[in-house]
Amino acid sequence: MRIVIFGLTVSSSWGNGHATIWRGLCRALGRNGHEVVFFEKDVPYYSSHRDLTNPPEYKLRLYQGWSDVEKASERALEESDCAIVTSYCPDARVAADIVLDSATFKIFYDLDTPVTLNRLKREGEVEYIPTYGLSPFDLVLSYTGGKALQELKRQLGAHRVAPLYGSVDPNVHSRVPAEFRFHSDFSYLGTYAEDRQSQLHELFLNPAKRLSDKKFCIAGAQYPSDFPWSSNIFFVRHLPPPEHPAFYSSSRLTLNITRQAMAAMGFCPSGRLFEAAACGTPIVSDYWEGLESFFTPGKEILIARSAQDAIAAIRLEEDELRRVALASQERALTEHSADRRAAELIALIEASA
């Protein structure tokens, strides 16, 4: 199958969660004989932090302005079986127009559905959603399941909707030797977000203050200068994907926190959940509806609703943490791999075409 994608970015993992998702999916699609072309606008804040330029399994087409790539995108669509326009694509509206004018199978993939729906309610429109909504697309995919799927129908006119959740590429994320610079008793990997701050404070910063003998580590971009660090919290500024396995493998335990808009919708697994699990690191997570559809609480993942819950997890014996880690690793590699998601995508397309 020949697939054309108009997305936010696959070339830079800086400050976004899209790149890692697409890298895994596109690699898996390429490995399984599908041809993929990814069109990405070459914006300064990603070009200055670019960590992928020439992927072997698929084609990356960077462009400065839409006029530079308009003809090439039209030719690609003429030769394609399927085209995908994504949330936060800088040229999503114009890309949607030419996709909908083509004869290919047409998909809109919202990797940020709760954010989209919240902005739509608050502002009346969202710049990456066509003014005519999503009704003309053959299929609308959502990174978030549950009630978000019905809201895409109700608010944006989508006809056929389905979840396409995050995944992990085991060729990239696996257990590796620990590195001293990342060693911690409790870690957190994530870009700073205001709507995660209250949970980060409760589940990470408060335990750090109360467990002064333990080492805590945060890795991510965009943390403000007035972030409330304590002496036992170490900071790693922006961690590129190739270093994620070493980070997780050096963490005795790691924390997952979900953005408020996504947690409110439920069925919203972060790709970091699957990455950490594939690396054999036990996970502590906030709770949201549907989490048990991905990992079994108490068996494959530890749930924390308070600082005390997080502290209790940190104090667990090594044997118990190892049991949880192995169980989540097996689940991730069996049910949440990039190959599995790529197969789900192809099945969804074939079932609708």
Protein backbone atom coordinates (compact mmCIF):
# COMPACT_ATOMS: atom_id res chain seq x y z
CA MET A 1 0.00 0.00 0.00
CA ARG A 2 1.22 3.52 -0.86
CA ILE A 3 0.55 6.02 1.94
CA VAL A 4 1.05 9.81 1.96
CA ILE A 5 1.16 11.64 5.31
CA PHE A 6 0.91 15.37 5.98
CA GLY A 7 2.00 15.73 9.60
CA LEU A 8 3.51 17.97 12.25
CA THR A 9 6.97 16.41 12.36
CA VAL A 10 8.84 13.16 12.11
CA SER A 11 12.30 14.74 11.84
CA SER A 12 12.48 16.29 15.32
CA SER A 13 11.41 14.90 18.68
CA TRP A 14 11.98 18.26 20.40
CA GLY A 15 9.00 19.40 22.48
CA ASN A 16 6.41 17.14 20.83
CA GLY A 17 5.07 13.60 21.04
CA HIS A 18 4.28 13.15 17.36
CA ALA A 19 7.74 12.33 16.02
CA THR A 20 8.36 9.15 17.99
CA ILE A 21 4.89 7.83 17.18
CA TRP A 22 5.35 8.40 13.46
CA ARG A 23 8.87 7.01 13.39
CA GLY A 24 7.69 3.72 14.84
CA LEU A 25 4.63 3.50 12.60
CA CYS A 26 6.46 4.48 9.42
CA ARG A 27 9.31 2.08 10.09
CA ALA A 28 6.85 -0.73 10.73
CA LEU A 29 4.89 0.07 7.59
CA GLY A 30 8.09 0.16 5.54
CA ARG A 31 9.36 -3.12 7.00
CA ASN A 32 6.08 -4.74 6.00
CA GLY A 33 6.29 -3.69 2.36
CA HIS A 34 4.27 -0.47 2.36
CA GLU A 35 5.54 2.74 0.73
CA VAL A 36 5.27 5.86 2.89
CA VAL A 37 5.98 9.52 2.09
CA PHE A 38 5.86 11.98 5.00
CA PHE A 39 5.48 15.68 4.13
CA GLU A 40 6.78 17.99 6.87
CA LYS A 41 7.06 21.76 6.91
CA ASP A 42 10.62 22.77 7.78
CA VAL A 43 9.98 25.11 10.71
CA PRO A 44 12.86 26.70 12.67
CA TYR A 45 12.08 25.26 16.10
CA TYR A 46 12.27 21.71 14.72
CA SER A 47 15.09 22.22 12.21
CA SER A 48 17.33 23.50 15.00
CA HIS A 49 16.65 20.32 17.00
CA ARG A 50 16.49 17.83 14.15
CA ASP A 51 17.46 14.25 15.05
CA LEU A 52 16.31 12.43 11.90
CA THR A 53 17.09 13.34 8.29
CA ASN A 54 17.11 10.32 5.99
CA PRO A 55 15.02 7.39 7.29
CA PRO A 56 15.72 4.22 5.28
CA GLU A 57 12.26 2.64 5.53
CA TYR A 58 10.23 5.61 4.22
CA LYS A 59 10.60 8.97 2.49
CA LEU A 60 10.74 12.26 4.39
CA ARG A 61 9.91 15.34 2.30
CA LEU A 62 10.81 18.60 4.04
CA TYR A 63 9.57 21.87 2.52
CA GLN A 64 9.82 25.58 3.31
CA GLY A 65 6.43 26.69 2.03
CA TRP A 66 3.38 24.97 0.59
CA SER A 67 4.02 26.35 -2.91
CA ASP A 68 7.36 24.49 -2.92
CA VAL A 69 5.68 21.13 -2.48
CA GLU A 70 2.21 21.58 -3.96
CA LYS A 71 2.94 19.85 -7.26
CA ALA A 72 4.94 17.07 -5.60
CA SER A 73 2.13 16.40 -3.12
CA GLU A 74 -0.42 16.23 -5.93
CA ARG A 75 1.74 13.70 -7.79
CA ALA A 76 2.20 11.67 -4.61
CA LEU A 77 -1.57 11.62 -4.05
CA GLU A 78 -2.19 10.48 -7.63
CA GLU A 79 0.04 7.48 -7.00
CA SER A 80 -1.23 6.73 -3.47
CA ASP A 81 -3.74 4.32 -2.01
CA CYS A 82 -4.26 6.35 1.17
CA ALA A 83 -3.52 9.85 2.47
CA ILE A 84 -3.44 10.99 6.09
CA VAL A 85 -3.70 14.56 7.39
CA THR A 86 -2.87 15.01 11.08
CA SER A 87 -3.58 17.37 13.92
CA TYR A 88 -1.09 20.22 14.33
CA CYS A 89 0.10 19.85 10.75
CA PRO A 90 1.03 23.48 9.87
CA ASP A 91 -0.66 23.16 6.46
CA ALA A 92 -3.46 20.85 7.54
CA ARG A 93 -6.26 22.82 5.91
CA VAL A 94 -4.70 23.16 2.49
CA ALA A 95 -3.47 19.56 2.67
CA ALA A 96 -7.00 18.43 3.54
CA ASP A 97 -8.36 20.28 0.52
CA ILE A 98 -6.08 18.57 -1.96
CA VAL A 99 -6.48 15.17 -0.28
CA LEU A 100 -10.26 15.45 -0.47
CA ASP A 101 -10.03 16.43 -4.14
CA SER A 102 -8.02 13.30 -4.91
CA ALA A 103 -9.16 9.75 -5.59
CA THR A 104 -7.19 8.23 -2.71
CA PHE A 105 -8.60 6.87 0.58
CA LYS A 106 -8.83 9.86 2.93
CA ILE A 107 -7.97 9.84 6.66
CA PHE A 108 -7.76 12.55 9.28
CA TYR A 109 -5.71 11.42 12.30
CA ASP A 110 -6.11 13.50 15.45
CA LEU A 111 -3.24 12.71 17.78
CA ASP A 112 -4.51 15.40 20.18
CA THR A 113 -8.27 14.83 20.26
CA PRO A 114 -9.03 16.12 23.79
CA VAL A 115 -7.02 19.28 23.10
CA THR A 116 -8.83 19.69 19.77
CA LEU A 117 -12.26 19.31 21.35
CA ASN A 118 -11.45 21.66 24.24
CA ARG A 119 -10.17 24.34 21.88
CA LEU A 120 -13.15 23.91 19.61
CA LYS A 121 -15.49 24.48 22.54
CA ARG A 122 -13.50 27.44 23.84
CA GLU A 123 -12.52 29.18 20.57
CA GLY A 124 -15.04 27.93 18.02
CA GLU A 125 -12.42 26.69 15.56
CA VAL A 126 -9.01 25.03 15.48
CA GLU A 127 -6.44 25.97 12.85
CA TYR A 128 -5.67 22.39 11.78
CA ILE A 129 -9.32 21.35 11.45
CA PRO A 130 -10.93 22.23 8.08
CA THR A 131 -13.67 24.85 8.35
CA TYR A 132 -16.09 22.26 6.96
CA GLY A 133 -15.25 19.74 9.70
CA LEU A 134 -14.27 16.11 9.27
CA SER A 135 -17.35 14.69 7.54
CA PRO A 136 -15.74 14.38 4.06
CA PHE A 137 -13.01 12.01 5.31
CA ASP A 138 -13.46 8.28 4.76
CA LEU A 139 -12.03 7.56 8.22
CA VAL A 140 -11.17 9.66 11.26
CA LEU A 141 -8.60 8.19 13.63
CA SER A 142 -8.01 9.30 17.19
CA TYR A 143 -5.04 8.74 19.47
CA THR A 144 -7.62 8.85 22.28
CA GLY A 145 -10.47 6.35 22.51
CA GLY A 146 -13.55 6.20 24.70
CA LYS A 147 -15.92 9.17 24.70
CA ALA A 148 -13.59 11.15 22.42
CA LEU A 149 -14.74 9.05 19.46
CA GLN A 150 -18.37 10.05 19.89
CA GLU A 151 -17.40 13.69 20.33
CA LEU A 152 -15.56 13.65 17.01
CA LYS A 153 -18.82 12.55 15.43
CA ARG A 154 -20.99 14.99 17.33
CA GLN A 155 -18.84 18.10 17.14
CA LEU A 156 -16.95 17.64 13.87
CA GLY A 157 -19.26 15.46 11.80
CA ALA A 158 -16.94 12.47 11.49
CA HIS A 159 -18.76 9.44 10.10
CA ARG A 160 -16.43 6.50 10.69
CA VAL A 161 -14.11 6.83 13.68
CA ALA A 162 -11.63 4.45 15.30
CA PRO A 163 -8.81 4.68 17.82
CA LEU A 164 -5.21 4.26 16.75
CA TYR A 165 -3.28 4.32 20.00
CA GLY A 166 0.39 4.92 20.62
CA SER A 167 2.93 2.16 20.33
CA VAL A 168 6.57 1.25 20.85
CA ASP A 169 9.21 0.04 18.43
CA PRO A 170 11.14 -2.75 20.22
CA ASN A 171 14.00 -2.24 17.76
CA VAL A 172 14.49 1.16 19.38
CA HIS A 173 13.19 0.71 22.93
CA SER A 174 14.57 -2.23 24.88
CA ARG A 175 16.57 -2.88 28.04
CA VAL A 176 20.14 -1.55 27.77
CA PRO A 177 22.98 -1.15 30.30
CA ALA A 178 22.31 1.54 32.87
CA GLU A 179 24.21 4.85 32.64
CA PHE A 180 25.40 6.64 35.75
CA ARG A 181 24.34 10.08 34.47
CA PHE A 182 20.70 8.90 34.35
CA HIS A 183 20.65 6.83 37.52
CA SER A 184 17.67 7.54 39.76
CA ASP A 185 15.32 5.94 42.23
CA PHE A 186 12.35 7.67 40.56
CA SER A 187 12.29 9.38 37.16
CA TYR A 188 9.96 11.35 34.95
CA LEU A 189 10.36 11.94 31.22
CA GLY A 190 8.13 14.55 29.62
CA THR A 191 7.95 18.02 28.13
CA TYR A 192 6.79 20.65 30.61
CA ALA A 193 3.05 21.31 30.42
CA GLU A 194 1.07 23.56 32.76
CA ASP A 195 -1.85 21.14 32.88
CA ARG A 196 0.44 18.36 34.13
CA GLN A 197 2.05 20.51 36.79
CA SER A 198 -0.39 19.79 39.65
CA GLN A 199 0.05 16.03 39.18
CA LEU A 200 3.81 16.39 38.79
CA HIS A 201 3.88 18.35 42.02
CA GLU A 202 1.82 15.77 43.93
CA LEU A 203 3.30 12.56 42.52
CA PHE A 204 6.93 13.62 42.00
CA LEU A 205 7.95 16.85 43.74
CA ASN A 206 6.26 16.07 47.06
CA PRO A 207 7.78 12.55 47.27
CA ALA A 208 11.18 14.06 46.45
CA LYS A 209 10.88 16.47 49.38
CA ARG A 210 9.85 13.68 51.74
CA LEU A 211 12.48 11.17 50.54
CA SER A 212 15.62 13.27 50.71
CA ASP A 213 17.83 10.17 50.64
CA LYS A 214 16.49 9.13 47.21
CA LYS A 215 17.60 10.43 43.82
CA PHE A 216 14.93 11.84 41.51
CA CYS A 217 15.43 12.77 37.86
CA ILE A 218 13.36 14.79 35.36
CA ALA A 219 14.15 14.84 31.64
CA GLY A 220 12.39 17.05 29.13
CA ALA A 221 12.14 20.38 27.34
CA GLN A 222 10.59 23.77 28.13
CA TYR A 223 10.85 23.69 31.94
CA PRO A 224 10.69 27.26 33.29
CA SER A 225 13.51 28.87 35.25
CA ASP A 226 11.30 29.13 38.34
CA PHE A 227 10.43 25.41 38.41
CA PRO A 228 10.46 24.29 42.09
CA TRP A 229 13.52 22.03 42.11
CA SER A 230 14.86 20.43 45.28
CA SER A 231 18.42 19.33 45.99
CA ASN A 232 17.77 15.64 45.24
CA ILE A 233 16.09 16.28 41.85
CA PHE A 234 18.40 16.20 38.83
CA PHE A 235 17.43 17.65 35.46
CA VAL A 236 18.29 16.42 31.97
CA ARG A 237 17.36 19.01 29.34
CA HIS A 238 15.63 17.57 26.25
CA LEU A 239 16.39 13.88 25.86
CA PRO A 240 16.35 12.69 22.21
CA PRO A 241 14.65 9.34 21.49
CA PRO A 242 17.91 7.36 21.04
CA GLU A 243 18.70 8.07 24.70
CA HIS A 244 15.28 7.11 26.09
CA PRO A 245 16.21 3.41 26.57
CA ALA A 246 19.27 4.33 28.64
CA PHE A 247 17.22 6.78 30.69
CA TYR A 248 14.53 4.23 31.49
CA SER A 249 17.01 1.40 32.00
CA SER A 250 18.81 3.56 34.57
CA SER A 251 15.59 4.29 36.50
CA ARG A 252 14.58 2.03 39.34
CA LEU A 253 11.01 3.26 38.83
CA THR A 254 9.48 5.82 36.43
CA LEU A 255 6.40 8.04 36.52
CA ASN A 256 3.75 8.61 33.86
CA ILE A 257 1.51 11.69 34.04
CA THR A 258 -1.34 12.43 31.65
CA ARG A 259 -2.42 15.88 30.50
CA GLN A 260 -5.70 16.94 32.10
CA ALA A 261 -7.70 17.20 28.88
CA MET A 262 -6.67 13.69 27.85
CA ALA A 263 -7.22 12.17 31.29
CA ALA A 264 -10.74 13.64 31.34
CA MET A 265 -11.55 11.79 28.11
CA GLY A 266 -9.94 8.52 29.21
CA PHE A 267 -8.48 5.78 27.01
CA CYS A 268 -5.39 7.95 26.47
CA PRO A 269 -2.16 5.94 26.84
CA SER A 270 0.99 7.99 26.39
CA GLY A 271 3.63 6.53 24.13
CA ARG A 272 6.00 6.89 27.10
CA LEU A 273 4.04 4.17 28.90
CA PHE A 274 4.89 1.72 26.17
CA GLU A 275 8.49 2.90 25.89
CA ALA A 276 9.19 2.43 29.59
CA ALA A 277 7.45 -0.94 29.63
CA ALA A 278 9.46 -2.17 26.64
CA CYS A 279 12.65 -1.15 28.47
CA GLY A 280 11.68 -3.31 31.44
CA THR A 281 11.20 -0.39 33.84
CA PRO A 282 8.37 -0.54 36.40
CA ILE A 283 5.84 2.26 35.93
CA VAL A 284 3.85 4.40 38.34
CA SER A 285 0.97 6.20 36.63
CA ASP A 286 -1.90 8.53 37.39
CA TYR A 287 -5.27 6.89 36.75
CA TRP A 288 -7.68 7.58 33.90
CA GLU A 289 -10.68 5.66 32.60
CA GLY A 290 -9.64 2.79 30.38
CA LEU A 291 -6.08 2.41 31.66
CA GLU A 292 -6.81 -1.22 32.53
CA SER A 293 -7.41 -1.86 28.81
CA PHE A 294 -3.69 -1.39 28.25
CA PHE A 295 -2.03 -2.55 31.50
CA THR A 296 -3.47 -4.37 34.49
CA PRO A 297 -3.19 -2.21 37.65
CA GLY A 298 -1.24 -3.88 40.44
CA LYS A 299 0.12 -6.53 38.08
CA GLU A 300 1.58 -4.65 35.11
CA ILE A 301 1.46 -1.07 36.35
CA LEU A 302 1.29 0.76 39.70
CA ILE A 303 -1.36 3.46 40.19
CA ALA A 304 -0.73 6.61 42.23
CA ARG A 305 -3.44 9.06 43.21
CA SER A 306 -1.40 10.78 45.93
CA ALA A 307 2.14 11.44 47.06
CA GLN A 308 1.74 8.64 49.59
CA ASP A 309 0.90 6.17 46.80
CA ALA A 310 4.03 7.20 44.92
CA ILE A 311 6.16 6.89 48.05
CA ALA A 312 4.73 3.43 48.73
CA ALA A 313 5.71 2.38 45.20
CA ILE A 314 9.23 3.73 45.61
CA ARG A 315 9.61 1.71 48.82
CA LEU A 316 8.58 -1.60 47.23
CA GLU A 317 11.09 -4.44 47.30
CA GLU A 318 13.18 -5.14 44.22
CA ASP A 319 11.51 -8.51 43.55
CA GLU A 320 8.06 -6.92 43.43
CA LEU A 321 9.21 -4.15 41.10
CA ARG A 322 10.89 -6.67 38.84
CA ARG A 323 7.69 -8.72 38.65
CA VAL A 324 5.69 -5.67 37.57
CA ALA A 325 8.34 -4.65 35.04
CA LEU A 326 8.48 -8.06 33.36
CA ALA A 327 4.69 -8.27 33.16
CA SER A 328 4.34 -4.82 31.57
CA GLN A 329 7.20 -5.53 29.18
CA GLU A 330 5.51 -8.68 27.92
CA ARG A 331 2.20 -6.85 27.48
CA ALA A 332 3.81 -3.96 25.60
CA LEU A 333 5.74 -6.15 23.20
CA THR A 334 2.73 -8.38 22.56
CA GLU A 335 -0.08 -5.85 22.22
CA HIS A 336 1.40 -2.37 21.86
CA SER A 337 4.23 -2.65 19.35
CA ALA A 338 4.57 -0.42 16.27
CA ASP A 339 4.13 -3.49 14.07
CA ARG A 340 0.84 -4.23 15.82
CA ARG A 341 -0.41 -0.65 15.32
CA ALA A 342 0.73 -0.61 11.68
CA ALA A 343 -1.24 -3.80 11.08
CA GLU A 344 -4.28 -2.23 12.79
CA LEU A 345 -3.98 0.83 10.50
CA ILE A 346 -3.83 -1.28 7.34
CA ALA A 347 -6.77 -3.40 8.52
CA LEU A 348 -8.85 -0.26 9.16
CA ILE A 349 -8.08 1.06 5.68
CA GLU A 350 -8.82 -2.25 3.97
CA ALA A 351 -12.07 -2.68 5.88
CA SER A 352 -13.31 0.71 4.69
CA ALA A 353 -11.91 0.91 1.17
